[in-house]
PDB file of all heavy atoms in Angstrom:
ATOM      1  N   SER A   1       2.104  -2.757   6.014  1.00  0.00           N
ATOM      2  CA  SER A   1       3.129  -1.983   6.703  1.00  0.00           C
ATOM      3  C   SER A   1       4.345  -2.847   7.012  1.00  0.00           C
ATOM      4  O   SER A   1       5.496  -2.420   6.814  1.00  0.00           O
ATOM      5  CB  SER A   1       2.566  -1.412   8.012  1.00  0.00           C
ATOM      6  OG  SER A   1       1.321  -0.796   7.824  1.00  0.00           O
ATOM      7  N   VAL A   2       4.104  -4.057   7.526  1.00  0.00           N
ATOM      8  CA  VAL A   2       5.197  -4.979   7.848  1.00  0.00           C
ATOM      9  C   VAL A   2       6.005  -5.299   6.604  1.00  0.00           C
ATOM     10  O   VAL A   2       7.248  -5.302   6.627  1.00  0.00           O
ATOM     11  CB  VAL A   2       4.645  -6.269   8.480  1.00  0.00           C
ATOM     12  CG1 VAL A   2       5.740  -7.315   8.621  1.00  0.00           C
ATOM     13  CG2 VAL A   2       4.020  -5.976   9.835  1.00  0.00           C
ATOM     14  N   ASN A   3       5.309  -5.538   5.499  1.00  0.00           N
ATOM     15  CA  ASN A   3       6.014  -5.888   4.265  1.00  0.00           C
ATOM     16  C   ASN A   3       6.784  -4.704   3.689  1.00  0.00           C
ATOM     17  O   ASN A   3       7.871  -4.880   3.122  1.00  0.00           O
ATOM     18  CB  ASN A   3       5.026  -6.472   3.259  1.00  0.00           C
ATOM     19  CG  ASN A   3       4.708  -7.915   3.585  1.00  0.00           C
ATOM     20  OD1 ASN A   3       5.423  -8.811   3.188  1.00  0.00           O
ATOM     21  ND2 ASN A   3       3.653  -8.134   4.356  1.00  0.00           N
ATOM     22  N   ARG A   4       6.256  -3.495   3.838  1.00  0.00           N
ATOM     23  CA  ARG A   4       7.015  -2.315   3.413  1.00  0.00           C
ATOM     24  C   ARG A   4       8.298  -2.184   4.229  1.00  0.00           C
ATOM     25  O   ARG A   4       9.364  -1.855   3.690  1.00  0.00           O
ATOM     26  CB  ARG A   4       6.154  -1.048   3.548  1.00  0.00           C
ATOM     27  CG  ARG A   4       5.134  -0.865   2.428  1.00  0.00           C
ATOM     28  CD  ARG A   4       4.476   0.515   2.470  1.00  0.00           C
ATOM     29  NE  ARG A   4       3.528   0.637   3.559  1.00  0.00           N
ATOM     30  CZ  ARG A   4       2.200   0.511   3.433  1.00  0.00           C
ATOM     31  NH1 ARG A   4       1.670   0.242   2.254  1.00  0.00           N
ATOM     32  NH2 ARG A   4       1.405   0.662   4.468  1.00  0.00           N
ATOM     33  N   LEU A   5       8.198  -2.449   5.538  1.00  0.00           N
ATOM     34  CA  LEU A   5       9.378  -2.345   6.396  1.00  0.00           C
ATOM     35  C   LEU A   5      10.420  -3.410   6.042  1.00  0.00           C
ATOM     36  O   LEU A   5      11.612  -3.106   5.863  1.00  0.00           O
ATOM     37  CB  LEU A   5       8.973  -2.470   7.861  1.00  0.00           C
ATOM     38  CG  LEU A   5      10.123  -2.423   8.873  1.00  0.00           C
ATOM     39  CD1 LEU A   5      10.877  -1.099   8.787  1.00  0.00           C
ATOM     40  CD2 LEU A   5       9.614  -2.653  10.293  1.00  0.00           C
ATOM     41  N   TYR A   6       9.983  -4.674   5.941  1.00  0.00           N
ATOM     42  CA  TYR A   6      10.910  -5.745   5.579  1.00  0.00           C
ATOM     43  C   TYR A   6      11.627  -5.431   4.263  1.00  0.00           C
ATOM     44  O   TYR A   6      12.842  -5.554   4.135  1.00  0.00           O
ATOM     45  CB  TYR A   6      10.161  -7.071   5.420  1.00  0.00           C
ATOM     46  CG  TYR A   6       9.835  -7.797   6.700  1.00  0.00           C
ATOM     47  CD1 TYR A   6       8.701  -8.614   6.795  1.00  0.00           C
ATOM     48  CD2 TYR A   6      10.634  -7.687   7.823  1.00  0.00           C
ATOM     49  CE1 TYR A   6       8.395  -9.296   7.961  1.00  0.00           C
ATOM     50  CE2 TYR A   6      10.331  -8.364   9.001  1.00  0.00           C
ATOM     51  CZ  TYR A   6       9.212  -9.167   9.059  1.00  0.00           C
ATOM     52  OH  TYR A   6       8.913  -9.839  10.211  1.00  0.00           O
ATOM     53  N   ALA A   7      10.850  -5.025   3.275  1.00  0.00           N
ATOM     54  CA  ALA A   7      11.407  -4.812   1.942  1.00  0.00           C
ATOM     55  C   ALA A   7      12.400  -3.652   1.931  1.00  0.00           C
ATOM     56  O   ALA A   7      13.451  -3.722   1.275  1.00  0.00           O
ATOM     57  CB  ALA A   7      10.289  -4.563   0.935  1.00  0.00           C
ATOM     58  N   SER A   8      12.089  -2.573   2.657  1.00  0.00           N
ATOM     59  CA  SER A   8      12.997  -1.424   2.668  1.00  0.00           C
ATOM     60  C   SER A   8      14.294  -1.743   3.397  1.00  0.00           C
ATOM     61  O   SER A   8      15.349  -1.173   3.080  1.00  0.00           O
ATOM     62  CB  SER A   8      12.314  -0.215   3.309  1.00  0.00           C
ATOM     63  OG  SER A   8      12.047  -0.440   4.683  1.00  0.00           O
ATOM     64  N   CYS A   9      14.234  -2.649   4.374  1.00  0.00           N
ATOM     65  CA  CYS A   9      15.455  -3.065   5.077  1.00  0.00           C
ATOM     66  C   CYS A   9      16.329  -3.945   4.181  1.00  0.00           C
ATOM     67  O   CYS A   9      17.565  -3.845   4.197  1.00  0.00           O
ATOM     68  CB  CYS A   9      15.099  -3.835   6.346  1.00  0.00           C
ATOM     69  SG  CYS A   9      14.253  -2.849   7.593  1.00  0.00           S
ATOM     70  N   ILE A  10      15.694  -4.796   3.401  1.00  0.00           N
ATOM     71  CA  ILE A  10      16.431  -5.729   2.549  1.00  0.00           C
ATOM     72  C   ILE A  10      16.999  -5.038   1.321  1.00  0.00           C
ATOM     73  O   ILE A  10      18.119  -5.333   0.886  1.00  0.00           O
ATOM     74  CB  ILE A  10      15.496  -6.892   2.146  1.00  0.00           C
ATOM     75  CG1 ILE A  10      15.130  -7.716   3.391  1.00  0.00           C
ATOM     76  CG2 ILE A  10      16.148  -7.784   1.099  1.00  0.00           C
ATOM     77  CD1 ILE A  10      13.931  -8.608   3.201  1.00  0.00           C
ATOM     78  N   LEU A  11      16.218  -4.104   0.760  1.00  0.00           N
ATOM     79  CA  LEU A  11      16.664  -3.355  -0.427  1.00  0.00           C
ATOM     80  C   LEU A  11      16.721  -1.866  -0.075  1.00  0.00           C
ATOM     81  O   LEU A  11      15.814  -1.103  -0.416  1.00  0.00           O
ATOM     82  CB  LEU A  11      15.707  -3.580  -1.601  1.00  0.00           C
ATOM     83  CG  LEU A  11      15.641  -4.998  -2.174  1.00  0.00           C
ATOM     84  CD1 LEU A  11      14.574  -5.074  -3.257  1.00  0.00           C
ATOM     85  CD2 LEU A  11      16.999  -5.425  -2.738  1.00  0.00           C
ATOM     86  N   PRO A  12      17.768  -1.440   0.636  1.00  0.00           N
ATOM     87  CA  PRO A  12      17.827  -0.031   1.039  1.00  0.00           C
ATOM     88  C   PRO A  12      17.927   0.937  -0.136  1.00  0.00           C
ATOM     89  O   PRO A  12      17.496   2.083  -0.026  1.00  0.00           O
ATOM     90  CB  PRO A  12      19.088   0.031   1.911  1.00  0.00           C
ATOM     91  CG  PRO A  12      19.902  -1.153   1.509  1.00  0.00           C
ATOM     92  CD  PRO A  12      18.923  -2.208   1.135  1.00  0.00           C
ATOM     93  N   ASP A  13      18.488   0.478  -1.248  1.00  0.00           N
ATOM     94  CA  ASP A  13      18.575   1.318  -2.439  1.00  0.00           C
ATOM     95  C   ASP A  13      17.411   0.944  -3.351  1.00  0.00           C
ATOM     96  O   ASP A  13      17.554   0.136  -4.279  1.00  0.00           O
ATOM     97  CB  ASP A  13      19.916   1.089  -3.138  1.00  0.00           C
ATOM     98  CG  ASP A  13      20.183   2.129  -4.224  1.00  0.00           C
ATOM     99  OD1 ASP A  13      19.298   2.978  -4.445  1.00  0.00           O
ATOM    100  OD2 ASP A  13      21.255   2.071  -4.846  1.00  0.00           O
ATOM    101  N   GLY A  14      16.221   1.495  -3.067  1.00  0.00           N
ATOM    102  CA  GLY A  14      15.039   1.103  -3.815  1.00  0.00           C
ATOM    103  C   GLY A  14      13.885   2.049  -3.610  1.00  0.00           C
ATOM    104  O   GLY A  14      14.035   3.132  -3.032  1.00  0.00           O
ATOM    105  N   LYS A  15      12.709   1.614  -4.050  1.00  0.00           N
ATOM    106  CA  LYS A  15      11.528   2.478  -4.030  1.00  0.00           C
ATOM    107  C   LYS A  15      10.284   1.645  -3.751  1.00  0.00           C
ATOM    108  O   LYS A  15      10.136   0.538  -4.275  1.00  0.00           O
ATOM    109  CB  LYS A  15      11.394   3.198  -5.378  1.00  0.00           C
ATOM    110  CG  LYS A  15      10.354   4.296  -5.407  1.00  0.00           C
ATOM    111  CD  LYS A  15      10.456   5.094  -6.689  1.00  0.00           C
ATOM    112  CE  LYS A  15       9.472   6.247  -6.707  1.00  0.00           C
ATOM    113  NZ  LYS A  15       9.573   7.039  -7.949  1.00  0.00           N
ATOM    114  N   ASP A  16       9.390   2.204  -2.929  1.00  0.00           N
ATOM    115  CA  ASP A  16       8.150   1.512  -2.553  1.00  0.00           C
ATOM    116  C   ASP A  16       6.986   1.950  -3.432  1.00  0.00           C
ATOM    117  O   ASP A  16       6.873   3.129  -3.785  1.00  0.00           O
ATOM    118  CB  ASP A  16       7.776   1.825  -1.102  1.00  0.00           C
ATOM    119  CG  ASP A  16       8.709   1.170  -0.103  1.00  0.00           C
ATOM    120  OD1 ASP A  16       9.057   0.004  -0.304  1.00  0.00           O
ATOM    121  OD2 ASP A  16       9.082   1.842   0.873  1.00  0.00           O
ATOM    122  N   TYR A  17       6.105   0.988  -3.706  1.00  0.00           N
ATOM    123  CA  TYR A  17       4.847   1.262  -4.408  1.00  0.00           C
ATOM    124  C   TYR A  17       3.741   0.472  -3.707  1.00  0.00           C
ATOM    125  O   TYR A  17       3.919  -0.706  -3.376  1.00  0.00           O
ATOM    126  CB  TYR A  17       4.906   0.831  -5.863  1.00  0.00           C
ATOM    127  CG  TYR A  17       5.938   1.540  -6.705  1.00  0.00           C
ATOM    128  CD1 TYR A  17       7.240   1.055  -6.785  1.00  0.00           C
ATOM    129  CD2 TYR A  17       5.609   2.686  -7.430  1.00  0.00           C
ATOM    130  CE1 TYR A  17       8.191   1.698  -7.562  1.00  0.00           C
ATOM    131  CE2 TYR A  17       6.550   3.337  -8.209  1.00  0.00           C
ATOM    132  CZ  TYR A  17       7.839   2.841  -8.269  1.00  0.00           C
ATOM    133  OH  TYR A  17       8.779   3.472  -9.042  1.00  0.00           O
ATOM    134  N   THR A  18       2.604   1.106  -3.488  1.00  0.00           N
ATOM    135  CA  THR A  18       1.441   0.413  -2.950  1.00  0.00           C
ATOM    136  C   THR A  18       0.261   0.638  -3.887  1.00  0.00           C
ATOM    137  O   THR A  18      -0.068   1.777  -4.228  1.00  0.00           O
ATOM    138  CB  THR A  18       1.087   0.914  -1.542  1.00  0.00           C
ATOM    139  OG1 THR A  18       2.205   0.731  -0.670  1.00  0.00           O
ATOM    140  CG2 THR A  18      -0.100   0.137  -0.981  1.00  0.00           C
ATOM    141  N   PHE A  19      -0.347  -0.462  -4.304  1.00  0.00           N
ATOM    142  CA  PHE A  19      -1.553  -0.414  -5.133  1.00  0.00           C
ATOM    143  C   PHE A  19      -2.690  -1.039  -4.335  1.00  0.00           C
ATOM    144  O   PHE A  19      -2.517  -2.104  -3.734  1.00  0.00           O
ATOM    145  CB  PHE A  19      -1.361  -1.191  -6.436  1.00  0.00           C
ATOM    146  CG  PHE A  19      -0.394  -0.562  -7.402  1.00  0.00           C
ATOM    147  CD1 PHE A  19       0.966  -0.840  -7.314  1.00  0.00           C
ATOM    148  CD2 PHE A  19      -0.835   0.296  -8.393  1.00  0.00           C
ATOM    149  CE1 PHE A  19       1.869  -0.264  -8.202  1.00  0.00           C
ATOM    150  CE2 PHE A  19       0.053   0.879  -9.284  1.00  0.00           C
ATOM    151  CZ  PHE A  19       1.407   0.598  -9.187  1.00  0.00           C
ATOM    152  N   TRP A  20      -3.866  -0.394  -4.354  1.00  0.00           N
ATOM    153  CA  TRP A  20      -5.031  -0.937  -3.653  1.00  0.00           C
ATOM    154  C   TRP A  20      -6.075  -1.380  -4.675  1.00  0.00           C
ATOM    155  O   TRP A  20      -6.303  -0.709  -5.686  1.00  0.00           O
ATOM    156  CB  TRP A  20      -5.646   0.121  -2.741  1.00  0.00           C
ATOM    157  CG  TRP A  20      -4.732   0.530  -1.630  1.00  0.00           C
ATOM    158  CD1 TRP A  20      -4.495  -0.132  -0.460  1.00  0.00           C
ATOM    159  CD2 TRP A  20      -3.930   1.715  -1.570  1.00  0.00           C
ATOM    160  NE1 TRP A  20      -3.598   0.556   0.310  1.00  0.00           N
ATOM    161  CE2 TRP A  20      -3.227   1.696  -0.350  1.00  0.00           C
ATOM    162  CE3 TRP A  20      -3.726   2.791  -2.449  1.00  0.00           C
ATOM    163  CZ2 TRP A  20      -2.346   2.703   0.040  1.00  0.00           C
ATOM    164  CZ3 TRP A  20      -2.843   3.801  -2.078  1.00  0.00           C
ATOM    165  CH2 TRP A  20      -2.171   3.748  -0.850  1.00  0.00           C
ATOM    166  N   GLY A  21      -6.720  -2.504  -4.389  1.00  0.00           N
ATOM    167  CA  GLY A  21      -7.817  -2.962  -5.225  1.00  0.00           C
ATOM    168  C   GLY A  21      -7.426  -4.134  -6.117  1.00  0.00           C
ATOM    169  O   GLY A  21      -6.305  -4.608  -6.063  1.00  0.00           O
ATOM    170  N   LYS A  22      -8.388  -4.554  -6.903  1.00  0.00           N
ATOM    171  CA  LYS A  22      -9.726  -4.007  -7.040  1.00  0.00           C
ATOM    172  C   LYS A  22     -10.545  -4.317  -5.796  1.00  0.00           C
ATOM    173  O   LYS A  22     -10.585  -5.456  -5.351  1.00  0.00           O
ATOM    174  CB  LYS A  22     -10.401  -4.591  -8.289  1.00  0.00           C
ATOM    175  CG  LYS A  22     -11.781  -4.019  -8.546  1.00  0.00           C
ATOM    176  CD  LYS A  22     -12.415  -4.613  -9.784  1.00  0.00           C
ATOM    177  CE  LYS A  22     -13.814  -4.020 -10.012  1.00  0.00           C
ATOM    178  NZ  LYS A  22     -14.457  -4.552 -11.215  1.00  0.00           N
ATOM    179  N   GLY A  23     -11.195  -3.260  -5.291  1.00  0.00           N
ATOM    180  CA  GLY A  23     -11.997  -3.483  -4.111  1.00  0.00           C
ATOM    181  C   GLY A  23     -12.893  -2.316  -3.774  1.00  0.00           C
ATOM    182  O   GLY A  23     -12.736  -1.199  -4.286  1.00  0.00           O
ATOM    183  N   VAL A  24     -13.859  -2.583  -2.889  1.00  0.00           N
ATOM    184  CA  VAL A  24     -14.826  -1.566  -2.470  1.00  0.00           C
ATOM    185  C   VAL A  24     -14.193  -0.654  -1.430  1.00  0.00           C
ATOM    186  O   VAL A  24     -13.682  -1.120  -0.410  1.00  0.00           O
ATOM    187  CB  VAL A  24     -16.090  -2.218  -1.873  1.00  0.00           C
ATOM    188  CG1 VAL A  24     -17.029  -1.144  -1.319  1.00  0.00           C
ATOM    189  CG2 VAL A  24     -16.808  -3.060  -2.913  1.00  0.00           C
ATOM    190  N   SER A  25     -14.201   0.640  -1.700  1.00  0.00           N
ATOM    191  CA  SER A  25     -13.802   1.635  -0.718  1.00  0.00           C
ATOM    192  C   SER A  25     -15.052   2.098   0.019  1.00  0.00           C
ATOM    193  O   SER A  25     -15.913   2.762  -0.567  1.00  0.00           O
ATOM    194  CB  SER A  25     -13.112   2.823  -1.388  1.00  0.00           C
ATOM    195  OG  SER A  25     -12.918   3.856  -0.446  1.00  0.00           O
ATOM    196  N   GLN A  26     -15.161   1.728   1.298  1.00  0.00           N
ATOM    197  CA  GLN A  26     -16.377   2.053   2.043  1.00  0.00           C
ATOM    198  C   GLN A  26     -16.501   3.555   2.281  1.00  0.00           C
ATOM    199  O   GLN A  26     -17.599   4.109   2.252  1.00  0.00           O
ATOM    200  CB  GLN A  26     -16.392   1.274   3.357  1.00  0.00           C
ATOM    201  CG  GLN A  26     -16.442  -0.240   3.127  1.00  0.00           C
ATOM    202  CD  GLN A  26     -16.516  -1.033   4.415  1.00  0.00           C
ATOM    203  OE1 GLN A  26     -17.549  -1.061   5.080  1.00  0.00           O
ATOM    204  NE2 GLN A  26     -15.424  -1.691   4.768  1.00  0.00           N
ATOM    205  N   GLY A  27     -15.367   4.246   2.516  1.00  0.00           N
ATOM    206  CA  GLY A  27     -15.410   5.684   2.735  1.00  0.00           C
ATOM    207  C   GLY A  27     -15.835   6.450   1.494  1.00  0.00           C
ATOM    208  O   GLY A  27     -16.643   7.379   1.557  1.00  0.00           O
ATOM    209  N   HIS A  28     -15.303   6.047   0.331  1.00  0.00           N
ATOM    210  CA  HIS A  28     -15.670   6.713  -0.919  1.00  0.00           C
ATOM    211  C   HIS A  28     -17.127   6.412  -1.296  1.00  0.00           C
ATOM    212  O   HIS A  28     -17.826   7.271  -1.830  1.00  0.00           O
ATOM    213  CB  HIS A  28     -14.731   6.279  -2.051  1.00  0.00           C
ATOM    214  CG  HIS A  28     -13.376   6.915  -1.965  1.00  0.00           C
ATOM    215  ND1 HIS A  28     -12.490   6.627  -0.961  1.00  0.00           N
ATOM    216  CD2 HIS A  28     -12.758   7.826  -2.767  1.00  0.00           C
ATOM    217  CE1 HIS A  28     -11.389   7.331  -1.142  1.00  0.00           C
ATOM    218  NE2 HIS A  28     -11.526   8.075  -2.223  1.00  0.00           N
ATOM    219  N   SER A  29     -17.555   5.178  -1.030  1.00  0.00           N
ATOM    220  CA  SER A  29     -18.947   4.825  -1.298  1.00  0.00           C
ATOM    221  C   SER A  29     -19.890   5.688  -0.457  1.00  0.00           C
ATOM    222  O   SER A  29     -20.919   6.176  -0.940  1.00  0.00           O
ATOM    223  CB  SER A  29     -19.191   3.341  -0.999  1.00  0.00           C
ATOM    224  OG  SER A  29     -18.375   2.510  -1.798  1.00  0.00           O
ATOM    225  N   ASP A  30     -19.520   5.893   0.804  1.00  0.00           N
ATOM    226  CA  ASP A  30     -20.338   6.718   1.689  1.00  0.00           C
ATOM    227  C   ASP A  30     -20.378   8.165   1.206  1.00  0.00           C
ATOM    228  O   ASP A  30     -21.422   8.833   1.290  1.00  0.00           O
ATOM    229  CB  ASP A  30     -19.779   6.658   3.116  1.00  0.00           C
ATOM    230  CG  ASP A  30     -20.624   7.436   4.099  1.00  0.00           C
ATOM    231  OD1 ASP A  30     -21.794   7.074   4.305  1.00  0.00           O
ATOM    232  OD2 ASP A  30     -20.119   8.427   4.655  1.00  0.00           O
ATOM    233  N   ALA A  31     -19.253   8.653   0.677  1.00  0.00           N
ATOM    234  CA  ALA A  31     -19.207  10.032   0.174  1.00  0.00           C
ATOM    235  C   ALA A  31     -20.196  10.222  -0.976  1.00  0.00           C
ATOM    236  O   ALA A  31     -20.848  11.272  -1.082  1.00  0.00           O
ATOM    237  CB  ALA A  31     -17.791  10.373  -0.284  1.00  0.00           C
ATOM    238  N   ILE A  32     -20.337   9.214  -1.825  1.00  0.00           N
ATOM    239  CA  ILE A  32     -21.305   9.294  -2.930  1.00  0.00           C
ATOM    240  C   ILE A  32     -22.733   9.269  -2.385  1.00  0.00           C
ATOM    241  O   ILE A  32     -23.603  10.013  -2.843  1.00  0.00           O
ATOM    242  CB  ILE A  32     -21.101   8.143  -3.929  1.00  0.00           C
ATOM    243  CG1 ILE A  32     -19.696   8.211  -4.542  1.00  0.00           C
ATOM    244  CG2 ILE A  32     -22.152   8.196  -5.038  1.00  0.00           C
ATOM    245  CD1 ILE A  32     -19.361   7.004  -5.414  1.00  0.00           C
TER     246      ILE A  32
END
């Protein structure tokens, strides 16, 4: 969150992307 905020302030004319992983999703594992 902090890095999204810093980056959007520095590059106001831009676009954010967040990628997660590779990693274990505990909520999705529980759903299975």
